[in-house]
Amino acid sequence: MNLSARTINLALCLFTFTLLAALGCASAGGQTGAGSKLSPGPPVIIPEYQGREPRKCASMTKPPSVSEATVMVQCTMDALSPFGLGLVQDVKIEMGASRPFVYSSDAGLSGIDLKAQVYPLRGSYTGYLCQHISNMAPAGQSCTTSEVSEAVGWCWKTSFGDYKCKLQGAPGGSLKMGKGAAPTTY
């Protein structure tokens, strides 16, 4: 009987250690490097959508690296609005050399500092527009997905001294629409 209690205690300790180790790894939100400092903590799930909250970033006051810009695209583009939960996933980007402000392409960038350099981006992403889980939008099918194979974008300094980054579909790129579940990771 005593041996059996020891075996049970050992098994319980191993199970607890395994569970805590897995939770410890997951608590980084799957992030590594710059992303974890820029957007710390794991994603928080919104029950009505069964998906993650929009990503939030700390203020960035120096030009971002490619890995930081990848995270910042989510922070700038993710949103919860009366239309639903909009999320960006699978962001892949390349960053070009900085250049001066160009009115025809940069004038619509929110709060842009007209004297600061702009960093052009190109890449791809998947966008999600999700509705509350309901009979009309069942779990696993509550989001319209848009796979954007070719995107262009920018990282820019605002007049408040912080940086923002965003992407949009590029002319000539393909767009694959579908239905799916809301993302739960970054």
Protein backbone atom coordinates (compact mmCIF):
# COMPACT_ATOMS: atom_id res chain seq x y z
CA MET A 1 0.00 0.00 0.00
CA ASN A 2 2.86 2.39 0.85
CA LEU A 3 4.62 1.61 -2.45
CA SER A 4 1.39 2.30 -4.28
CA ALA A 5 1.03 5.71 -2.58
CA ARG A 6 4.64 6.57 -3.52
CA THR A 7 4.00 5.56 -7.12
CA ILE A 8 0.88 7.70 -7.25
CA ASN A 9 2.72 10.68 -5.71
CA LEU A 10 5.60 10.28 -8.18
CA ALA A 11 3.19 10.05 -11.10
CA LEU A 12 1.30 13.11 -9.85
CA CYS A 13 4.56 15.08 -9.47
CA LEU A 14 5.67 14.13 -12.99
CA PHE A 15 2.27 15.06 -14.41
CA THR A 16 2.33 18.43 -12.60
CA PHE A 17 5.89 19.15 -13.78
CA THR A 18 4.96 18.25 -17.37
CA LEU A 19 1.87 20.46 -17.24
CA LEU A 20 3.75 23.41 -15.72
CA ALA A 21 6.59 23.07 -18.21
CA ALA A 22 4.11 23.12 -21.10
CA LEU A 23 2.31 26.15 -19.68
CA GLY A 24 5.62 27.92 -19.15
CA CYS A 25 6.54 27.46 -22.81
CA ALA A 26 3.10 28.54 -23.95
CA SER A 27 3.20 31.66 -21.80
CA ALA A 28 5.64 33.26 -24.22
CA GLY A 29 2.83 33.29 -26.76
CA GLY A 30 5.00 31.51 -29.28
CA GLN A 31 7.11 34.64 -29.53
CA THR A 32 10.85 34.84 -29.70
CA GLY A 33 13.36 37.63 -29.80
CA ALA A 34 12.13 41.15 -30.42
CA GLY A 35 8.46 40.22 -30.43
CA SER A 36 8.45 39.13 -26.81
CA LYS A 37 9.76 42.54 -25.62
CA LEU A 38 7.53 44.49 -27.98
CA SER A 39 4.37 42.51 -27.23
CA PRO A 40 4.85 40.60 -23.95
CA GLY A 41 2.58 37.94 -22.54
CA PRO A 42 0.45 35.22 -24.05
CA PRO A 43 -2.62 35.93 -26.20
CA VAL A 44 -5.85 36.48 -24.24
CA ILE A 45 -8.87 34.61 -25.63
CA ILE A 46 -12.19 36.43 -26.13
CA PRO A 47 -14.90 33.81 -25.32
CA GLU A 48 -17.53 35.25 -27.71
CA TYR A 49 -15.16 34.74 -30.65
CA GLN A 50 -13.14 31.79 -29.35
CA GLY A 51 -10.13 33.69 -30.65
CA ARG A 52 -7.37 35.94 -29.38
CA GLU A 53 -7.65 39.62 -28.56
CA PRO A 54 -6.03 42.12 -30.92
CA ARG A 55 -2.29 42.19 -30.35
CA LYS A 56 -0.92 45.16 -28.40
CA CYS A 57 2.61 46.53 -28.67
CA ALA A 58 4.72 48.75 -26.50
CA SER A 59 5.63 52.08 -28.06
CA MET A 60 8.62 51.82 -30.40
CA THR A 61 10.67 55.00 -30.84
CA LYS A 62 13.43 53.71 -33.13
CA PRO A 63 13.13 52.26 -36.63
CA PRO A 64 12.03 48.61 -36.34
CA SER A 65 13.94 45.54 -37.46
CA VAL A 66 12.18 43.08 -39.78
CA SER A 67 11.15 40.87 -36.83
CA GLU A 68 9.84 43.89 -34.90
CA ALA A 69 7.98 45.16 -37.97
CA THR A 70 6.32 41.74 -38.36
CA VAL A 71 4.90 42.05 -34.83
CA MET A 72 4.00 45.72 -35.35
CA VAL A 73 1.92 44.86 -38.43
CA GLN A 74 -0.35 42.81 -36.16
CA CYS A 75 -0.45 45.53 -33.48
CA THR A 76 -1.40 48.18 -36.04
CA MET A 77 -3.89 46.11 -38.07
CA ASP A 78 -5.63 43.95 -35.42
CA ALA A 79 -8.88 45.51 -34.15
CA LEU A 80 -12.11 44.82 -32.29
CA SER A 81 -14.93 46.92 -33.72
CA PRO A 82 -18.71 46.89 -34.14
CA PHE A 83 -18.10 44.90 -37.37
CA GLY A 84 -16.33 42.09 -35.52
CA LEU A 85 -12.86 40.94 -34.59
CA GLY A 86 -10.24 41.67 -37.25
CA LEU A 87 -6.93 39.81 -36.90
CA VAL A 88 -3.82 39.38 -39.03
CA GLN A 89 -1.82 36.13 -38.98
CA ASP A 90 1.04 34.47 -40.85
CA VAL A 91 2.75 37.81 -41.54
CA LYS A 92 5.84 37.44 -43.71
CA ILE A 93 7.66 40.60 -44.76
CA GLU A 94 10.77 42.03 -46.32
CA MET A 95 11.82 45.59 -45.53
CA GLY A 96 13.32 47.91 -48.10
CA ALA A 97 15.76 50.75 -47.59
CA SER A 98 14.37 53.87 -45.93
CA ARG A 99 13.23 56.70 -48.16
CA PRO A 100 11.74 60.19 -47.75
CA PHE A 101 7.98 60.77 -47.48
CA VAL A 102 6.18 60.52 -50.86
CA TYR A 103 2.77 62.22 -50.87
CA SER A 104 1.12 59.94 -53.44
CA SER A 105 1.79 56.74 -51.46
CA ASP A 106 2.27 57.89 -47.86
CA ALA A 107 -0.32 60.65 -47.26
CA GLY A 108 -2.89 58.20 -45.82
CA LEU A 109 -0.61 56.81 -43.12
CA SER A 110 -2.13 57.71 -39.76
CA GLY A 111 -0.27 60.51 -37.99
CA ILE A 112 2.82 60.29 -40.22
CA ASP A 113 5.74 62.62 -39.50
CA LEU A 114 6.28 64.22 -42.92
CA LYS A 115 9.98 64.82 -42.21
CA ALA A 116 10.82 61.24 -41.13
CA GLN A 117 11.96 58.34 -43.30
CA VAL A 118 9.46 55.69 -44.46
CA TYR A 119 10.39 51.99 -44.66
CA PRO A 120 8.66 50.15 -47.52
CA LEU A 121 7.46 46.59 -46.87
CA ARG A 122 6.43 43.72 -49.11
CA GLY A 123 5.20 40.28 -48.16
CA SER A 124 2.06 38.30 -47.41
CA TYR A 125 -0.45 37.67 -44.62
CA THR A 126 -3.78 36.08 -43.77
CA GLY A 127 -6.59 38.35 -42.57
CA TYR A 128 -9.52 37.22 -40.40
CA LEU A 129 -12.83 39.00 -39.87
CA CYS A 130 -14.70 37.11 -37.15
CA GLN A 131 -18.26 37.28 -35.85
CA HIS A 132 -19.57 36.23 -32.43
CA ILE A 133 -20.04 32.46 -32.20
CA SER A 134 -23.74 31.77 -32.90
CA ASN A 135 -26.09 29.57 -34.93
CA MET A 136 -25.31 31.76 -37.95
CA ALA A 137 -21.55 31.73 -37.27
CA PRO A 138 -20.75 28.36 -35.66
CA ALA A 139 -17.47 27.69 -33.89
CA GLY A 140 -14.77 26.83 -36.41
CA GLN A 141 -16.61 28.72 -39.18
CA SER A 142 -17.16 32.16 -37.60
CA CYS A 143 -14.40 33.95 -39.51
CA THR A 144 -14.02 34.98 -43.11
CA THR A 145 -10.38 34.40 -44.03
CA SER A 146 -8.42 36.20 -46.71
CA GLU A 147 -5.02 34.84 -47.73
CA VAL A 148 -3.15 37.78 -49.29
CA SER A 149 -0.29 36.32 -51.33
CA GLU A 150 1.26 39.68 -52.29
CA ALA A 151 1.10 42.68 -50.02
CA VAL A 152 2.82 46.05 -49.83
CA GLY A 153 3.17 48.20 -46.78
CA TRP A 154 5.03 50.71 -44.72
CA CYS A 155 6.65 51.36 -41.39
CA TRP A 156 6.53 55.04 -40.51
CA LYS A 157 7.26 57.40 -37.67
CA THR A 158 4.29 59.31 -36.29
CA SER A 159 4.36 62.96 -35.23
CA PHE A 160 4.41 61.64 -31.63
CA GLY A 161 7.76 59.91 -32.25
CA ASP A 162 6.63 56.26 -32.29
CA TYR A 163 6.54 53.83 -35.22
CA LYS A 164 3.63 52.00 -36.86
CA CYS A 165 3.63 49.33 -39.59
CA LYS A 166 0.89 47.99 -41.85
CA LEU A 167 0.30 45.97 -45.02
CA GLN A 168 -2.35 45.90 -47.74
CA GLY A 169 -2.98 43.69 -50.75
CA ALA A 170 -0.84 44.56 -53.77
CA PRO A 171 -2.19 44.95 -57.31
CA GLY A 172 -1.82 41.69 -59.21
CA GLY A 173 -1.62 39.55 -56.07
CA SER A 174 -3.98 36.67 -55.50
CA LEU A 175 -6.61 36.62 -52.79
CA LYS A 176 -7.95 33.31 -51.49
CA MET A 177 -11.15 33.60 -49.42
CA GLY A 178 -12.49 31.01 -47.02
CA LYS A 179 -14.11 30.30 -43.65
CA GLY A 180 -12.41 29.21 -40.48
CA ALA A 181 -11.92 29.56 -36.76
CA ALA A 182 -10.51 32.63 -35.07
CA PRO A 183 -6.77 32.41 -34.39
CA THR A 184 -5.75 31.75 -30.80
CA THR A 185 -2.01 32.41 -31.21
CA TYR A 186 0.08 35.25 -32.61
